[in-house]
Amino acid sequence: MGKIGGFKEFGRTDESNLPVKERVANYKEITIPLDKTKIKQQGSRCMDCGIPFCHSACPLGNLIPDFNDMVHQEEWQSALTILQATNNFPEFTGRLCPAPCEKSCVLGIISEPIAIENIEKNIVERGFAEGWIKPQIPEIRTGKKVAVIGSGPAGLAAAQQLNRAGHWVTVFERDNAIGGLLRYGIPNFKLEKAIIDRRIAILEAEGIIFKTDVNVGVNFSVEQLETFDSIVLCGGATDSRSLPTKGIESKGVVQAMTFLTQQTKILYGETIPNQITAKGKNVIVIGGGDTGSDCVGTANRQEAKSVTNFEILPKPPEFRSETTPWPFWPLQLKTSTSHEEGCNRNWLINTKEFIANEKGELIGLKTVEVAWKMVPGERPELIEKEDSEKIWPCDLALLALGFTGPEKTLSKQLGIEIDNRNNYKATKYQTNVPHIFTAGDMRRGQSLIVWAISEGREAAREVDLYLMGYTNLPTKGTGDLPTL
């Protein structure tokens, strides 16, 4: 375990952030790293609980008490070995994961939980700095060829695991660079893209082949996949949810992912004709999740005149709700760094109409206040409050409403069945076409990055078993760990 009584001696310490005025002037990562002493203290707080709820709450099954203890002992290389045994890309999760492990930390019952996510980030960054993270090239090749469609976290995790099993892996990405939504959907102030490039260089050195600008089923026929022994579909859930609202077709009503993707591409020198920009505009972001928060941060960096956020649900409590007791994921207000940079947040608001001028350009939103009628055993009912109608000035409305599921181009051409949740149907990641598997958001629906990596790893194991009749790839929460 960590230091005996360490959780009494040390409090929780998080990374700090650059001042708002400084960070909104650019798109660089905004965090200020802790020194190694502070990170060690966080590892020392770990109590090595009899039942590590942090471990079970992590979709990857990360061996959290084990690497915490190694950090406490300043055995950083051993900590990295433990971390990488279950997580292919801790540099991504250490920046982007909402950390369900921390919400179930036993210490969180009586105090602030251990800063697990930041420990994870520091372990992997120390590994890169020291040169400990190197390509792992398989000694034996099976001769089997696998195509992975999609290069987001699920696709990359599946590719790396299958390559480690000795198969020849080719990853197809329809965009012009590898990474999926990691690349273009996540703003640079949360994940600078050099972090992705660093990892891709390792995967290429391990023998994985990447092909960009290849949209399978569009500019690359599915018949060309017949040379592969197996296919793994990891294309994500990319069909954006819209609103059945009057005026939705107005110029200035934009899907959040379109807005975010354009900004990231601009940063890397691409030319976007008629780029959608928030500069000088009254911006309203509809949707209160992480994507909505990313839109707020991006709009502020583009020098929006004002930024307002609408959420149709009630404002969550500031502290853990009694309806979501420990160790469950809490119903609790989340204020992101983007919200801190400037945002008028509003709850229980429903958009009734997008108002346009005679040119079809958005000039305002009409809303009403709402309430939710809750009856046990019945679906919640949305009720509009009388005399609550309001007009908001708005030049740019960003729809951050999540996704309805994956695109169906591939499912139709490959004959893949769809489940009752509009996702690609699979049993143990295997579709109704035996040699075709699916993982990540394409299989489970829109979810967390940590789930995507977990799905990619688990799918790779099933593919390996299908191809070889056996598999040595690890299951969730296990890995090839040396004796420490």
Protein backbone atom coordinates (compact mmCIF):
# COMPACT_ATOMS: atom_id res chain seq x y z
CA MET A 1 0.00 0.00 0.00
CA GLY A 2 1.01 3.66 0.11
CA LYS A 3 2.32 5.30 3.23
CA ILE A 4 0.66 4.07 6.43
CA GLY A 5 -1.60 6.92 7.48
CA GLY A 6 -0.69 8.85 4.35
CA PHE A 7 -4.34 9.64 3.67
CA LYS A 8 -4.40 11.46 7.02
CA GLU A 9 -1.15 13.31 6.46
CA PHE A 10 -1.72 14.51 2.89
CA GLY A 11 -4.76 16.10 1.29
CA ARG A 12 -5.77 15.89 -2.33
CA THR A 13 -3.73 18.05 -4.68
CA ASP A 14 -4.75 18.68 -8.29
CA GLU A 15 -2.97 20.31 -11.18
CA SER A 16 -3.57 24.02 -11.43
CA ASN A 17 -4.50 25.85 -14.62
CA LEU A 18 -3.08 28.87 -16.40
CA PRO A 19 -4.93 32.15 -15.70
CA VAL A 20 -8.06 32.55 -17.83
CA LYS A 21 -6.78 35.62 -19.68
CA GLU A 22 -3.60 33.80 -20.64
CA ARG A 23 -5.11 30.50 -21.70
CA VAL A 24 -7.95 31.84 -23.86
CA ALA A 25 -5.37 33.66 -25.99
CA ASN A 26 -4.35 30.34 -27.59
CA TYR A 27 -5.30 26.68 -27.97
CA LYS A 28 -2.47 25.10 -25.98
CA GLU A 29 -3.05 22.75 -23.05
CA ILE A 30 -3.95 24.80 -20.00
CA THR A 31 -2.69 22.68 -17.09
CA ILE A 32 0.37 23.36 -14.94
CA PRO A 33 1.94 20.03 -13.92
CA LEU A 34 2.54 19.17 -10.28
CA ASP A 35 6.07 18.48 -9.11
CA LYS A 36 7.08 14.87 -8.42
CA THR A 37 6.87 15.34 -4.65
CA LYS A 38 3.17 16.20 -4.87
CA ILE A 39 2.50 13.25 -7.16
CA LYS A 40 4.31 10.94 -4.74
CA GLN A 41 2.13 12.26 -1.92
CA GLN A 42 -0.99 11.41 -3.87
CA GLY A 43 0.29 7.86 -4.32
CA SER A 44 1.03 7.78 -0.60
CA ARG A 45 -2.62 8.53 0.19
CA CYS A 46 -3.75 5.20 -1.31
CA MET A 47 -5.04 2.88 1.44
CA ASP A 48 -4.75 -0.40 -0.49
CA CYS A 49 -8.39 -1.13 0.34
CA GLY A 50 -9.48 -4.71 0.86
CA ILE A 51 -11.92 -4.23 -1.99
CA PRO A 52 -10.47 -1.67 -4.45
CA PHE A 53 -13.64 -0.07 -5.78
CA CYS A 54 -11.47 2.17 -7.97
CA HIS A 55 -10.29 -0.95 -9.76
CA SER A 56 -13.79 -2.27 -10.40
CA ALA A 57 -15.14 1.14 -11.46
CA CYS A 58 -12.52 1.46 -14.20
CA PRO A 59 -13.75 -0.03 -17.52
CA LEU A 60 -10.16 -1.08 -18.21
CA GLY A 61 -9.71 -2.67 -14.80
CA ASN A 62 -6.59 -0.59 -14.19
CA LEU A 63 -4.56 -1.91 -11.26
CA ILE A 64 -4.74 1.40 -9.45
CA PRO A 65 -3.56 0.54 -5.90
CA ASP A 66 -0.56 -1.24 -7.44
CA PHE A 67 0.71 1.69 -9.49
CA ASN A 68 -0.15 4.12 -6.67
CA ASP A 69 2.15 2.15 -4.40
CA MET A 70 4.95 2.18 -6.95
CA VAL A 71 4.66 5.97 -7.22
CA HIS A 72 4.76 6.21 -3.43
CA GLN A 73 7.99 4.19 -3.51
CA GLU A 74 9.28 6.28 -6.43
CA GLU A 75 9.50 3.16 -8.57
CA TRP A 76 8.22 4.99 -11.62
CA GLN A 77 9.26 2.44 -14.22
CA SER A 78 7.45 -0.31 -12.32
CA ALA A 79 4.41 1.95 -12.07
CA LEU A 80 4.50 2.36 -15.85
CA THR A 81 4.72 -1.41 -16.39
CA ILE A 82 1.62 -1.92 -14.24
CA LEU A 83 -0.30 0.89 -15.94
CA GLN A 84 0.51 -0.23 -19.48
CA ALA A 85 -0.51 -3.80 -18.69
CA THR A 86 -4.18 -2.75 -18.81
CA ASN A 87 -4.20 0.60 -20.64
CA ASN A 88 -2.73 1.10 -24.10
CA PHE A 89 -2.98 4.89 -24.04
CA PRO A 90 -2.77 6.39 -20.53
CA GLU A 91 -1.61 9.69 -22.05
CA PHE A 92 -5.14 10.02 -23.50
CA THR A 93 -7.14 8.81 -20.51
CA GLY A 94 -4.92 10.80 -18.13
CA ARG A 95 -6.15 13.95 -19.88
CA LEU A 96 -9.68 13.11 -21.03
CA CYS A 97 -11.22 10.44 -18.82
CA PRO A 98 -13.89 11.66 -16.35
CA ALA A 99 -12.26 9.32 -13.83
CA PRO A 100 -15.02 7.02 -12.57
CA CYS A 101 -12.24 5.43 -10.49
CA GLU A 102 -11.97 8.57 -8.38
CA LYS A 103 -15.72 8.75 -7.79
CA SER A 104 -15.60 5.25 -6.29
CA CYS A 105 -12.37 5.72 -4.30
CA VAL A 106 -12.97 4.47 -0.74
CA LEU A 107 -11.16 7.50 0.64
CA GLY A 108 -13.88 9.59 -1.00
CA ILE A 109 -16.34 8.46 1.69
CA ILE A 110 -14.60 10.57 4.32
CA SER A 111 -12.31 12.88 2.35
CA GLU A 112 -11.32 13.96 -1.13
CA PRO A 113 -10.41 10.95 -3.32
CA ILE A 114 -6.90 10.28 -4.54
CA ALA A 115 -5.94 12.16 -7.72
CA ILE A 116 -5.75 8.91 -9.69
CA GLU A 117 -6.11 10.42 -13.15
CA ASN A 118 -3.28 12.87 -12.59
CA ILE A 119 -1.04 10.09 -11.22
CA GLU A 120 -1.76 8.12 -14.39
CA LYS A 121 -0.88 11.08 -16.61
CA ASN A 122 2.38 11.70 -14.75
CA ILE A 123 3.41 8.05 -14.92
CA VAL A 124 3.08 7.89 -18.70
CA GLU A 125 4.67 11.30 -19.28
CA ARG A 126 7.62 10.23 -17.10
CA GLY A 127 7.81 7.09 -19.23
CA PHE A 128 8.07 9.07 -22.45
CA ALA A 129 10.55 11.53 -20.95
CA GLU A 130 12.84 8.72 -19.74
CA GLY A 131 12.60 6.74 -22.97
CA TRP A 132 10.92 3.78 -21.28
CA ILE A 133 8.07 3.63 -23.77
CA LYS A 134 9.38 1.87 -26.85
CA PRO A 135 7.87 -0.05 -29.77
CA GLN A 136 6.99 -3.65 -28.91
CA ILE A 137 7.59 -5.55 -32.12
CA PRO A 138 6.19 -9.12 -32.13
CA GLU A 139 8.83 -11.81 -32.49
CA ILE A 140 6.56 -14.10 -34.53
CA ARG A 141 4.04 -13.22 -37.23
CA THR A 142 0.96 -15.41 -37.74
CA GLY A 143 0.50 -14.48 -41.38
CA LYS A 144 -3.08 -13.42 -40.67
CA LYS A 145 -4.23 -10.01 -41.92
CA VAL A 146 -6.72 -7.83 -40.05
CA ALA A 147 -8.37 -4.61 -41.21
CA VAL A 148 -9.39 -2.09 -38.55
CA ILE A 149 -11.90 0.50 -39.78
CA GLY A 150 -11.62 3.70 -37.75
CA SER A 151 -8.63 5.14 -35.90
CA GLY A 152 -10.22 6.46 -32.73
CA PRO A 153 -9.24 5.03 -29.33
CA ALA A 154 -11.17 1.77 -29.90
CA GLY A 155 -9.58 1.19 -33.31
CA LEU A 156 -6.08 2.05 -32.10
CA ALA A 157 -6.38 -0.20 -29.05
CA ALA A 158 -7.67 -3.10 -31.16
CA ALA A 159 -4.89 -2.57 -33.68
CA GLN A 160 -2.12 -2.53 -31.09
CA GLN A 161 -3.39 -5.65 -29.32
CA LEU A 162 -3.82 -7.58 -32.56
CA ASN A 163 -0.37 -6.53 -33.71
CA ARG A 164 1.07 -7.77 -30.42
CA ALA A 165 -0.59 -11.11 -31.12
CA GLY A 166 1.47 -11.28 -34.30
CA HIS A 167 -1.14 -10.42 -36.92
CA TRP A 168 -0.57 -7.96 -39.75
CA VAL A 169 -2.84 -5.01 -39.05
CA THR A 170 -3.96 -2.22 -41.38
CA VAL A 171 -5.96 0.71 -40.00
CA PHE A 172 -8.22 2.65 -42.38
CA GLU A 173 -9.20 6.23 -41.51
CA ARG A 174 -11.54 8.32 -43.65
CA ASP A 175 -10.09 11.64 -42.48
CA ASN A 176 -6.69 13.01 -43.47
CA ALA A 177 -5.00 12.20 -40.16
CA ILE A 178 -5.11 9.41 -37.59
CA GLY A 179 -6.99 9.72 -34.32
CA GLY A 180 -10.73 9.92 -35.01
CA LEU A 181 -12.49 12.28 -32.60
CA LEU A 182 -9.31 12.39 -30.52
CA ARG A 183 -7.77 14.27 -33.41
CA TYR A 184 -10.51 16.64 -34.49
CA GLY A 185 -13.31 16.41 -31.94
CA ILE A 186 -11.25 17.15 -28.81
CA PRO A 187 -9.92 20.74 -28.65
CA ASN A 188 -6.18 21.25 -28.35
CA PHE A 189 -6.54 22.94 -24.98
CA LYS A 190 -7.52 19.51 -23.64
CA LEU A 191 -5.30 17.35 -25.86
CA GLU A 192 -2.52 18.77 -28.01
CA LYS A 193 -2.19 16.67 -31.13
CA ALA A 194 1.53 16.09 -30.73
CA ILE A 195 0.47 13.67 -27.98
CA ILE A 196 -1.39 11.61 -30.60
CA ASP A 197 1.46 11.86 -33.14
CA ARG A 198 3.93 10.60 -30.54
CA ARG A 199 1.86 7.46 -29.99
CA ILE A 200 1.15 6.86 -33.68
CA ALA A 201 4.90 6.88 -34.38
CA ILE A 202 5.28 4.02 -31.90
CA LEU A 203 2.41 2.04 -33.43
CA GLU A 204 3.92 2.44 -36.89
CA ALA A 205 7.30 1.26 -35.59
CA GLU A 206 5.54 -1.80 -34.18
CA GLY A 207 4.41 -2.70 -37.69
CA ILE A 208 0.87 -1.32 -37.92
CA ILE A 209 0.01 0.18 -41.32
CA PHE A 210 -2.13 3.33 -41.39
CA LYS A 211 -4.06 4.50 -44.44
CA THR A 212 -5.75 7.91 -44.32
CA ASP A 213 -8.33 9.49 -46.66
CA VAL A 214 -9.81 6.01 -47.05
CA ASN A 215 -13.57 5.97 -46.51
CA VAL A 216 -14.47 2.30 -46.65
CA GLY A 217 -17.72 1.83 -48.52
CA VAL A 218 -17.38 5.21 -50.25
CA ASN A 219 -14.00 5.68 -51.97
CA PHE A 220 -12.75 2.20 -51.02
CA SER A 221 -15.08 -0.66 -51.86
CA VAL A 222 -15.92 -3.29 -49.27
CA GLU A 223 -14.91 -5.91 -51.84
CA GLN A 224 -11.31 -4.76 -51.38
CA LEU A 225 -11.52 -5.98 -47.78
CA GLU A 226 -11.83 -9.58 -48.97
CA THR A 227 -8.05 -10.03 -48.75
CA PHE A 228 -8.25 -9.68 -44.95
CA ASP A 229 -8.85 -12.64 -42.65
CA SER A 230 -10.84 -10.51 -40.24
CA ILE A 231 -12.31 -7.02 -40.01
CA VAL A 232 -12.86 -4.87 -36.91
CA LEU A 233 -15.34 -2.01 -37.26
CA CYS A 234 -14.51 0.88 -34.92
CA GLY A 235 -16.05 3.79 -36.77
CA GLY A 236 -17.68 5.40 -33.74
CA ALA A 237 -21.15 6.87 -33.25
CA THR A 238 -21.04 9.81 -35.62
CA ASP A 239 -24.69 10.51 -36.50
CA SER A 240 -25.30 13.76 -34.63
CA ARG A 241 -28.63 14.31 -32.88
CA SER A 242 -30.69 17.26 -34.12
CA LEU A 243 -33.88 18.99 -32.90
CA PRO A 244 -37.40 18.85 -34.38
CA THR A 245 -37.62 22.59 -33.93
CA LYS A 246 -38.94 25.31 -36.20
CA GLY A 247 -36.15 27.17 -37.97
CA ILE A 248 -33.55 24.43 -37.49
CA GLU A 249 -32.46 24.94 -41.11
CA SER A 250 -31.46 28.58 -40.46
CA LYS A 251 -27.94 29.63 -41.42
CA GLY A 252 -26.06 29.74 -38.13
CA VAL A 253 -27.50 26.56 -36.58
CA VAL A 254 -24.50 24.23 -36.56
CA GLN A 255 -23.66 20.82 -35.19
CA ALA A 256 -21.04 21.06 -32.44
CA MET A 257 -18.68 18.55 -34.01
CA THR A 258 -18.60 20.49 -37.28
CA PHE A 259 -17.63 23.63 -35.37
CA LEU A 260 -14.94 21.91 -33.28
CA THR A 261 -13.46 19.97 -36.19
CA GLN A 262 -13.09 23.06 -38.34
CA GLN A 263 -11.22 24.94 -35.61
CA THR A 264 -8.73 22.12 -35.08
CA LYS A 265 -8.08 21.77 -38.80
CA ILE A 266 -7.47 25.52 -39.06
CA LEU A 267 -4.82 25.22 -36.33
CA TYR A 268 -2.94 22.74 -38.47
CA GLY A 269 -2.88 24.86 -41.58
CA GLU A 270 -5.88 23.53 -43.45
CA THR A 271 -8.06 25.91 -45.41
CA ILE A 272 -11.74 25.75 -44.52
CA PRO A 273 -13.90 27.70 -47.00
CA ASN A 274 -16.52 29.75 -45.17
CA GLN A 275 -15.28 28.67 -41.77
CA ILE A 276 -17.90 28.81 -39.03
CA THR A 277 -16.58 31.20 -36.42
CA ALA A 278 -17.90 32.62 -33.15
CA LYS A 279 -15.92 35.87 -33.42
CA GLY A 280 -18.07 38.85 -32.47
CA LYS A 281 -21.24 36.75 -32.23
CA ASN A 282 -23.79 35.94 -29.58
CA VAL A 283 -23.27 32.19 -29.24
CA ILE A 284 -25.71 29.77 -27.64
CA VAL A 285 -24.59 26.20 -26.97
CA ILE A 286 -27.48 23.76 -26.61
CA GLY A 287 -26.41 20.78 -24.53
CA GLY A 288 -24.64 20.68 -21.19
CA GLY A 289 -22.21 17.78 -21.61
CA ASP A 290 -18.50 17.64 -22.37
CA THR A 291 -18.99 18.50 -26.05
CA GLY A 292 -21.02 21.55 -25.06
CA SER A 293 -18.23 22.57 -22.69
CA ASP A 294 -15.68 22.20 -25.51
CA CYS A 295 -17.81 24.51 -27.67
CA VAL A 296 -17.85 27.09 -24.87
CA GLY A 297 -14.05 27.02 -24.57
CA THR A 298 -13.58 27.24 -28.33
CA ALA A 299 -16.10 30.08 -28.72
CA ASN A 300 -14.31 32.10 -26.05
CA ARG A 301 -10.99 31.58 -27.82
CA GLN A 302 -12.58 32.77 -31.04
CA GLU A 303 -13.59 35.97 -29.22
CA ALA A 304 -17.34 35.49 -29.15
CA LYS A 305 -19.38 38.51 -28.05
CA SER A 306 -21.25 36.36 -25.53
CA VAL A 307 -21.50 32.65 -24.74
CA THR A 308 -24.65 31.11 -23.28
CA ASN A 309 -25.32 27.46 -22.46
CA PHE A 310 -28.76 25.78 -22.39
CA GLU A 311 -29.54 22.49 -20.68
CA ILE A 312 -33.04 20.98 -20.65
CA LEU A 313 -32.39 19.00 -17.46
CA PRO A 314 -32.45 20.43 -13.90
CA LYS A 315 -29.32 21.92 -12.40
CA PRO A 316 -27.46 19.12 -10.58
CA PRO A 317 -26.64 19.54 -6.89
CA GLU A 318 -23.20 20.89 -5.98
CA PHE A 319 -22.49 17.82 -3.87
CA ARG A 320 -23.16 14.12 -4.42
CA SER A 321 -26.90 13.43 -4.58
CA GLU A 322 -28.56 10.92 -2.28
CA THR A 323 -29.89 9.22 -5.41
CA THR A 324 -26.31 8.34 -6.47
CA PRO A 325 -24.50 7.36 -3.27
CA TRP A 326 -20.90 6.19 -3.17
CA PRO A 327 -19.52 4.23 -5.03
CA PHE A 328 -21.86 5.08 -7.93
CA TRP A 329 -21.14 7.76 -10.50
CA PRO A 330 -22.52 10.88 -8.78
CA LEU A 331 -25.29 13.19 -9.89
CA GLN A 332 -23.32 16.35 -9.24
CA LEU A 333 -22.73 19.75 -10.84
CA LYS A 334 -19.66 19.81 -13.05
CA THR A 335 -18.01 23.12 -13.77
CA SER A 336 -15.35 22.72 -16.43
CA THR A 337 -12.39 24.99 -17.11
CA SER A 338 -14.27 26.20 -20.20
CA HIS A 339 -17.23 27.26 -18.08
CA GLU A 340 -14.83 29.19 -15.85
CA GLU A 341 -13.59 31.12 -18.88
CA GLY A 342 -16.96 32.80 -19.36
CA CYS A 343 -20.41 31.32 -19.86
CA ASN A 344 -23.99 32.11 -18.88
CA ARG A 345 -25.32 28.69 -17.86
CA ASN A 346 -29.05 27.99 -17.86
CA TRP A 347 -30.98 24.87 -16.85
CA LEU A 348 -34.56 23.73 -17.53
CA ILE A 349 -34.64 25.62 -20.84
CA ASN A 350 -36.24 24.26 -24.01
CA THR A 351 -35.69 25.82 -27.44
CA LYS A 352 -38.99 26.34 -29.25
CA GLU A 353 -37.83 28.18 -32.36
CA PHE A 354 -34.71 29.33 -34.22
CA ILE A 355 -35.51 32.83 -35.48
CA ALA A 356 -34.01 33.95 -38.80
CA ASN A 357 -34.05 37.17 -40.78
CA GLU A 358 -35.25 37.51 -44.37
CA LYS A 359 -31.92 36.11 -45.61
CA GLY A 360 -32.35 32.95 -43.57
CA GLU A 361 -29.63 33.98 -41.12
CA LEU A 362 -30.06 33.17 -37.46
CA ILE A 363 -30.74 36.19 -35.26
CA GLY A 364 -32.36 34.72 -32.17
CA LEU A 365 -33.79 31.80 -30.20
CA LYS A 366 -37.22 31.52 -28.65
CA THR A 367 -37.30 29.43 -25.47
CA VAL A 368 -39.58 28.41 -22.65
CA GLU A 369 -38.81 27.31 -19.12
CA VAL A 370 -39.73 23.73 -18.33
CA ALA A 371 -40.17 21.34 -15.43
CA TRP A 372 -40.08 17.56 -15.21
CA LYS A 373 -43.03 15.66 -13.78
CA MET A 374 -41.76 12.49 -12.13
CA VAL A 375 -44.16 9.61 -11.48
CA PRO A 376 -42.71 6.32 -10.18
CA GLY A 377 -42.88 3.62 -12.83
CA GLU A 378 -43.58 6.09 -15.66
CA ARG A 379 -41.41 8.02 -18.09
CA PRO A 380 -40.63 11.59 -16.95
CA GLU A 381 -42.96 14.14 -18.52
CA LEU A 382 -41.71 17.52 -19.77
CA ILE A 383 -44.02 20.37 -18.81
CA GLU A 384 -43.70 23.91 -20.14
CA LYS A 385 -44.16 26.76 -17.67
CA GLU A 386 -46.80 29.29 -18.63
CA ASP A 387 -45.73 32.84 -19.50
CA SER A 388 -42.04 31.85 -19.55
CA GLU A 389 -41.37 32.49 -23.24
CA LYS A 390 -38.19 34.45 -23.94
CA ILE A 391 -36.27 35.66 -26.98
CA TRP A 392 -32.48 35.42 -26.84
CA PRO A 393 -30.22 37.24 -29.33
CA CYS A 394 -28.17 34.62 -31.13
CA ASP A 395 -26.00 34.60 -34.26
CA LEU A 396 -24.58 31.10 -33.80
CA ALA A 397 -26.36 28.15 -32.19
CA LEU A 398 -24.22 25.07 -31.57
CA LEU A 399 -26.04 21.76 -31.15
CA ALA A 400 -24.15 19.63 -28.62
CA LEU A 401 -26.85 17.01 -28.19
CA GLY A 402 -24.86 13.82 -28.54
CA PHE A 403 -25.17 11.15 -31.20
CA THR A 404 -27.92 8.77 -32.27
CA GLY A 405 -25.56 5.98 -33.34
CA PRO A 406 -23.09 4.97 -36.04
CA GLU A 407 -23.52 5.68 -39.71
CA LYS A 408 -25.08 2.75 -41.57
CA THR A 409 -23.04 2.80 -44.80
CA LEU A 410 -20.89 -0.14 -43.75
CA SER A 411 -23.65 -2.13 -42.08
CA LYS A 412 -25.71 -2.06 -45.27
CA GLN A 413 -22.84 -3.00 -47.58
CA LEU A 414 -21.44 -5.69 -45.28
CA GLY A 415 -24.79 -7.10 -44.19
CA ILE A 416 -24.32 -6.26 -40.49
CA GLU A 417 -27.40 -6.43 -38.27
CA ILE A 418 -28.43 -3.42 -36.15
CA ASP A 419 -29.59 -3.82 -32.54
CA ASN A 420 -32.57 -2.16 -30.85
CA ARG A 421 -30.37 0.76 -29.75
CA ASN A 422 -29.43 1.60 -33.36
CA ASN A 423 -25.87 0.26 -32.94
CA TYR A 424 -24.03 -2.49 -34.79
CA LYS A 425 -25.21 -5.75 -33.25
CA ALA A 426 -22.56 -8.09 -31.86
CA THR A 427 -22.18 -10.99 -29.48
CA LYS A 428 -18.78 -10.95 -27.78
CA TYR A 429 -17.88 -8.27 -30.32
CA GLN A 430 -18.61 -10.64 -33.23
CA THR A 431 -21.29 -9.56 -35.71
CA ASN A 432 -23.65 -11.84 -37.63
CA VAL A 433 -20.92 -12.03 -40.30
CA PRO A 434 -18.45 -14.35 -38.51
CA HIS A 435 -15.16 -12.76 -39.58
CA ILE A 436 -16.37 -9.20 -38.88
CA PHE A 437 -16.19 -7.76 -35.37
CA THR A 438 -17.11 -4.36 -33.95
CA ALA A 439 -16.10 -2.33 -30.89
CA GLY A 440 -16.32 1.08 -29.26
CA ASP A 441 -19.14 3.56 -29.82
CA MET A 442 -20.17 1.72 -32.97
CA ARG A 443 -21.14 -1.26 -30.82
CA ARG A 444 -22.17 0.27 -27.47
CA GLY A 445 -23.24 3.79 -28.46
CA GLN A 446 -21.73 7.10 -27.47
CA SER A 447 -19.56 6.57 -24.41
CA LEU A 448 -16.28 7.41 -22.68
CA ILE A 449 -12.75 7.17 -24.07
CA VAL A 450 -11.88 4.63 -21.38
CA TRP A 451 -14.73 2.42 -22.56
CA ALA A 452 -13.54 2.74 -26.16
CA ILE A 453 -10.05 1.51 -25.26
CA SER A 454 -11.51 -1.31 -23.19
CA GLU A 455 -13.78 -2.35 -26.07
CA GLY A 456 -10.90 -2.31 -28.53
CA ARG A 457 -8.80 -4.53 -26.27
CA GLU A 458 -11.62 -6.99 -25.64
CA ALA A 459 -12.58 -7.15 -29.31
CA ALA A 460 -8.95 -7.85 -30.26
CA ARG A 461 -8.95 -10.82 -27.92
CA GLU A 462 -12.05 -12.25 -29.58
CA VAL A 463 -10.59 -11.69 -33.05
CA ASP A 464 -7.36 -13.45 -32.06
CA LEU A 465 -9.36 -16.37 -30.65
CA TYR A 466 -11.38 -16.56 -33.88
CA LEU A 467 -8.29 -16.54 -36.09
CA MET A 468 -6.07 -18.87 -34.06
CA GLY A 469 -8.41 -21.01 -31.96
CA TYR A 470 -6.67 -19.75 -28.82
CA THR A 471 -5.44 -16.41 -27.49
CA ASN A 472 -2.81 -15.13 -25.12
CA LEU A 473 -4.13 -11.58 -25.13
CA PRO A 474 -5.15 -10.45 -21.63
CA THR A 475 -8.69 -10.00 -20.40
CA LYS A 476 -9.92 -6.90 -18.58
CA GLY A 477 -7.81 -5.99 -15.57
CA THR A 478 -4.98 -8.39 -16.36
CA GLY A 479 -1.74 -8.26 -18.25
CA ASP A 480 1.69 -9.78 -18.58
CA LEU A 481 3.09 -8.34 -15.35
CA PRO A 482 6.61 -9.10 -14.20
CA THR A 483 7.38 -9.89 -10.59
CA LEU A 484 7.96 -6.57 -8.85
